[in-house]
Amino acid sequence: YGLHPTDDKKLVKNSVLYSEIENQRPIIQAMDSADGQNQHAVVLRSYNLKNKTWGIWNPWYTYYEWYSMSGDYVPTTCTGTANNTYHPYWHAHNF
């Protein structure tokens, strides 16, 4: 398909994420659970600087969600326990 993403194996600067989103290139965001027992990936697809939130698509669901740029992600249907509270640890971008 001609895709050559950049896999940083780390979190990249927000300015890079903003640029990728503005250029309509989604970002894969890998996350691990607060208890270290689970890993998951979501698609970072938008942001809102006024509300300081990221817009994501979680492939577990058919809808989009928002979470704080300064916090962890808890899926809408979860309670926020350590095994379902996720924080990002790397990005793949430049698709």
N, C-alpha and C. Protein backbone atom coordinates (compact mmCIF):
# COMPACT_ATOMS: atom_id res chain seq x y z
N TYR A 1 0.81 -1.20 0.00
CA TYR A 1 0.00 0.00 0.00
C TYR A 1 0.85 1.26 0.00
N GLY A 2 2.13 1.13 0.02
CA GLY A 2 2.99 2.30 0.01
C GLY A 2 3.09 3.01 1.33
N LEU A 3 2.74 2.35 2.42
CA LEU A 3 2.81 2.97 3.74
C LEU A 3 4.18 2.74 4.35
N HIS A 4 4.73 3.79 4.92
CA HIS A 4 6.03 3.70 5.57
C HIS A 4 5.98 4.50 6.86
N PRO A 5 5.24 3.98 7.86
CA PRO A 5 5.08 4.75 9.09
C PRO A 5 6.38 4.87 9.88
N THR A 6 6.42 5.90 10.68
CA THR A 6 7.51 6.10 11.63
C THR A 6 7.08 5.50 12.95
N ASP A 7 7.83 4.54 13.43
CA ASP A 7 7.54 3.90 14.71
C ASP A 7 8.61 4.35 15.68
N ASP A 8 8.29 5.33 16.49
CA ASP A 8 9.26 5.93 17.39
C ASP A 8 9.59 5.10 18.61
N LYS A 9 8.76 4.12 18.92
CA LYS A 9 8.91 3.32 20.13
C LYS A 9 8.95 4.19 21.39
N LYS A 10 8.37 5.36 21.26
CA LYS A 10 8.26 6.29 22.39
C LYS A 10 7.13 7.27 22.07
N LEU A 11 6.78 8.06 23.03
CA LEU A 11 5.82 9.14 22.78
C LEU A 11 6.50 10.25 22.01
N VAL A 12 5.80 10.82 21.05
CA VAL A 12 6.37 11.94 20.31
C VAL A 12 5.77 13.23 20.84
N LYS A 13 6.38 14.35 20.47
CA LYS A 13 5.91 15.65 20.93
C LYS A 13 4.51 15.92 20.41
N ASN A 14 3.74 16.66 21.21
CA ASN A 14 2.39 17.01 20.80
C ASN A 14 2.39 17.77 19.47
N SER A 15 3.40 18.60 19.24
CA SER A 15 3.44 19.35 17.98
C SER A 15 3.47 18.42 16.77
N VAL A 16 4.15 17.29 16.89
CA VAL A 16 4.17 16.29 15.81
C VAL A 16 2.78 15.68 15.65
N LEU A 17 2.14 15.36 16.76
CA LEU A 17 0.80 14.78 16.71
C LEU A 17 -0.19 15.75 16.08
N TYR A 18 -0.12 17.02 16.47
CA TYR A 18 -1.02 18.02 15.89
C TYR A 18 -0.82 18.08 14.37
N SER A 19 0.43 18.12 13.94
CA SER A 19 0.73 18.22 12.52
C SER A 19 0.21 17.00 11.75
N GLU A 20 0.42 15.82 12.30
CA GLU A 20 -0.07 14.60 11.64
C GLU A 20 -1.59 14.64 11.49
N ILE A 21 -2.28 15.01 12.56
CA ILE A 21 -3.74 15.07 12.53
C ILE A 21 -4.21 16.14 11.55
N GLU A 22 -3.58 17.31 11.56
CA GLU A 22 -3.97 18.38 10.64
C GLU A 22 -3.77 17.97 9.18
N ASN A 23 -2.82 17.09 8.93
CA ASN A 23 -2.56 16.60 7.58
C ASN A 23 -3.31 15.29 7.30
N GLN A 24 -4.31 15.02 8.13
CA GLN A 24 -5.21 13.88 7.97
C GLN A 24 -4.48 12.54 7.95
N ARG A 25 -3.46 12.44 8.82
CA ARG A 25 -2.74 11.18 8.98
C ARG A 25 -2.95 10.71 10.42
N PRO A 26 -3.76 9.69 10.61
CA PRO A 26 -4.01 9.20 11.98
C PRO A 26 -2.75 8.61 12.60
N ILE A 27 -2.76 8.52 13.90
CA ILE A 27 -1.62 8.03 14.66
C ILE A 27 -2.05 6.80 15.45
N ILE A 28 -1.24 5.76 15.41
CA ILE A 28 -1.49 4.62 16.28
C ILE A 28 -0.87 4.96 17.63
N GLN A 29 -1.65 4.82 18.67
CA GLN A 29 -1.17 5.11 20.01
C GLN A 29 -1.27 3.84 20.84
N ALA A 30 -0.13 3.29 21.21
CA ALA A 30 -0.11 2.11 22.06
C ALA A 30 -0.26 2.54 23.51
N MET A 31 -1.00 1.74 24.27
CA MET A 31 -1.27 2.06 25.67
C MET A 31 -1.08 0.82 26.51
N ASP A 32 -0.70 1.01 27.75
CA ASP A 32 -0.70 -0.11 28.68
C ASP A 32 -1.53 0.26 29.90
N SER A 33 -2.02 -0.78 30.56
CA SER A 33 -2.89 -0.54 31.71
C SER A 33 -2.08 -0.12 32.92
N ALA A 34 -2.73 0.56 33.83
CA ALA A 34 -2.06 1.06 35.03
C ALA A 34 -1.47 -0.07 35.86
N ASP A 35 -2.07 -1.26 35.80
CA ASP A 35 -1.52 -2.38 36.56
C ASP A 35 -0.46 -3.15 35.79
N GLY A 36 -0.19 -2.75 34.55
CA GLY A 36 0.85 -3.38 33.74
C GLY A 36 0.47 -4.74 33.16
N GLN A 37 -0.76 -5.13 33.32
CA GLN A 37 -1.20 -6.46 32.87
C GLN A 37 -1.77 -6.48 31.46
N ASN A 38 -2.17 -5.35 30.93
CA ASN A 38 -2.83 -5.30 29.62
C ASN A 38 -2.21 -4.25 28.72
N GLN A 39 -2.25 -4.50 27.44
CA GLN A 39 -1.84 -3.51 26.44
C GLN A 39 -2.95 -3.38 25.41
N HIS A 40 -3.00 -2.22 24.80
CA HIS A 40 -4.06 -1.95 23.84
C HIS A 40 -3.57 -0.85 22.91
N ALA A 41 -4.21 -0.71 21.78
CA ALA A 41 -3.88 0.38 20.85
C ALA A 41 -5.16 1.06 20.42
N VAL A 42 -5.07 2.36 20.23
CA VAL A 42 -6.18 3.16 19.73
C VAL A 42 -5.66 4.02 18.58
N VAL A 43 -6.58 4.63 17.86
CA VAL A 43 -6.20 5.53 16.78
C VAL A 43 -6.45 6.96 17.25
N LEU A 44 -5.39 7.73 17.33
CA LEU A 44 -5.49 9.14 17.68
C LEU A 44 -5.88 9.89 16.42
N ARG A 45 -7.05 10.55 16.43
CA ARG A 45 -7.59 11.11 15.20
C ARG A 45 -7.93 12.59 15.25
N SER A 46 -7.98 13.17 16.44
CA SER A 46 -8.30 14.59 16.55
C SER A 46 -7.85 15.11 17.90
N TYR A 47 -7.92 16.42 18.03
CA TYR A 47 -7.59 17.04 19.30
C TYR A 47 -8.40 18.32 19.46
N ASN A 48 -8.53 18.76 20.71
CA ASN A 48 -9.23 19.99 21.02
C ASN A 48 -8.38 20.75 22.03
N LEU A 49 -7.70 21.79 21.56
CA LEU A 49 -6.81 22.54 22.45
C LEU A 49 -7.58 23.32 23.52
N LYS A 50 -8.77 23.78 23.18
CA LYS A 50 -9.57 24.52 24.15
C LYS A 50 -9.91 23.62 25.35
N ASN A 51 -10.32 22.40 25.07
CA ASN A 51 -10.68 21.46 26.15
C ASN A 51 -9.50 20.60 26.59
N LYS A 52 -8.37 20.71 25.87
CA LYS A 52 -7.17 19.91 26.16
C LYS A 52 -7.49 18.42 26.18
N THR A 53 -8.08 17.97 25.06
CA THR A 53 -8.45 16.57 24.94
C THR A 53 -8.00 15.99 23.60
N TRP A 54 -7.81 14.68 23.60
CA TRP A 54 -7.52 13.92 22.39
C TRP A 54 -8.79 13.19 21.97
N GLY A 55 -9.02 13.14 20.68
CA GLY A 55 -10.12 12.36 20.12
C GLY A 55 -9.55 11.05 19.59
N ILE A 56 -10.11 9.94 20.02
CA ILE A 56 -9.59 8.65 19.60
C ILE A 56 -10.70 7.75 19.09
N TRP A 57 -10.29 6.75 18.33
CA TRP A 57 -11.16 5.63 17.99
C TRP A 57 -10.56 4.41 18.65
N ASN A 58 -11.33 3.79 19.51
CA ASN A 58 -10.93 2.56 20.18
C ASN A 58 -11.59 1.43 19.39
N PRO A 59 -10.82 0.51 18.80
CA PRO A 59 -11.43 -0.54 17.98
C PRO A 59 -12.34 -1.49 18.75
N TRP A 60 -12.40 -1.39 20.07
CA TRP A 60 -13.36 -2.18 20.84
C TRP A 60 -14.79 -1.67 20.60
N TYR A 61 -14.92 -0.43 20.15
CA TYR A 61 -16.23 0.21 20.05
C TYR A 61 -16.47 0.74 18.64
N THR A 62 -17.70 1.15 18.38
CA THR A 62 -18.07 1.70 17.08
C THR A 62 -18.21 3.22 17.13
N TYR A 63 -17.76 3.84 18.20
CA TYR A 63 -17.88 5.28 18.36
C TYR A 63 -16.53 5.87 18.77
N TYR A 64 -16.45 7.19 18.70
CA TYR A 64 -15.22 7.90 19.07
C TYR A 64 -15.33 8.38 20.51
N GLU A 65 -14.17 8.55 21.14
CA GLU A 65 -14.14 9.02 22.53
C GLU A 65 -13.11 10.13 22.66
N TRP A 66 -13.19 10.86 23.75
CA TRP A 66 -12.24 11.92 24.09
C TRP A 66 -11.63 11.59 25.44
N TYR A 67 -10.36 11.96 25.60
CA TYR A 67 -9.75 11.87 26.93
C TYR A 67 -8.75 13.01 27.10
N SER A 68 -8.47 13.34 28.34
CA SER A 68 -7.64 14.48 28.68
C SER A 68 -6.21 14.31 28.18
N MET A 69 -5.64 15.38 27.64
CA MET A 69 -4.24 15.36 27.21
C MET A 69 -3.29 15.14 28.39
N SER A 70 -3.74 15.45 29.58
CA SER A 70 -2.87 15.32 30.75
C SER A 70 -3.20 14.11 31.61
N GLY A 71 -4.09 13.25 31.14
CA GLY A 71 -4.51 12.14 31.97
C GLY A 71 -4.49 10.81 31.25
N ASP A 72 -4.97 9.81 31.93
CA ASP A 72 -5.07 8.47 31.39
C ASP A 72 -6.41 8.29 30.69
N TYR A 73 -6.47 7.28 29.85
CA TYR A 73 -7.69 6.95 29.13
C TYR A 73 -8.42 5.83 29.84
N VAL A 74 -9.68 6.05 30.13
CA VAL A 74 -10.55 5.01 30.68
C VAL A 74 -11.69 4.85 29.68
N PRO A 75 -11.82 3.68 29.04
CA PRO A 75 -12.93 3.48 28.10
C PRO A 75 -14.27 3.83 28.74
N THR A 76 -15.14 4.40 27.95
CA THR A 76 -16.43 4.89 28.43
C THR A 76 -17.20 3.86 29.23
N THR A 77 -17.13 2.62 28.82
CA THR A 77 -17.92 1.57 29.48
C THR A 77 -17.24 0.95 30.69
N CYS A 78 -16.07 1.46 31.08
CA CYS A 78 -15.31 0.87 32.19
C CYS A 78 -15.40 1.73 33.44
N THR A 79 -14.94 1.16 34.55
CA THR A 79 -15.06 1.83 35.84
C THR A 79 -13.82 2.58 36.29
N GLY A 80 -12.71 2.42 35.60
CA GLY A 80 -11.50 3.13 35.99
C GLY A 80 -10.62 2.38 36.97
N THR A 81 -10.78 1.07 37.05
CA THR A 81 -9.89 0.28 37.90
C THR A 81 -8.53 0.17 37.22
N ALA A 82 -7.54 -0.32 37.94
CA ALA A 82 -6.16 -0.35 37.42
C ALA A 82 -6.02 -1.19 36.16
N ASN A 83 -6.86 -2.20 35.97
CA ASN A 83 -6.70 -3.03 34.77
C ASN A 83 -7.43 -2.48 33.55
N ASN A 84 -8.20 -1.41 33.70
CA ASN A 84 -8.82 -0.79 32.53
C ASN A 84 -8.61 0.72 32.47
N THR A 85 -7.56 1.19 33.10
CA THR A 85 -7.10 2.56 32.98
C THR A 85 -5.80 2.50 32.19
N TYR A 86 -5.76 3.17 31.05
CA TYR A 86 -4.62 3.05 30.14
C TYR A 86 -3.87 4.36 30.01
N HIS A 87 -2.55 4.26 29.86
CA HIS A 87 -1.77 5.45 29.56
C HIS A 87 -0.88 5.15 28.34
N PRO A 88 -0.72 6.14 27.47
CA PRO A 88 0.05 5.93 26.24
C PRO A 88 1.53 5.75 26.52
N TYR A 89 2.19 4.92 25.70
CA TYR A 89 3.63 4.78 25.84
C TYR A 89 4.39 4.84 24.54
N TRP A 90 3.76 4.75 23.38
CA TRP A 90 4.45 5.05 22.12
C TRP A 90 3.46 5.35 21.01
N HIS A 91 4.00 5.99 19.97
CA HIS A 91 3.21 6.36 18.79
C HIS A 91 3.85 5.84 17.52
N ALA A 92 3.03 5.48 16.56
CA ALA A 92 3.48 5.22 15.19
C ALA A 92 2.72 6.21 14.32
N HIS A 93 3.44 6.94 13.48
CA HIS A 93 2.81 7.99 12.68
C HIS A 93 3.44 8.07 11.31
N ASN A 94 3.03 9.06 10.52
CA ASN A 94 3.55 9.32 9.18
C ASN A 94 3.10 8.25 8.20
N PHE A 95 1.82 7.90 8.28
CA PHE A 95 1.25 6.92 7.33
C PHE A 95 1.02 7.56 5.99
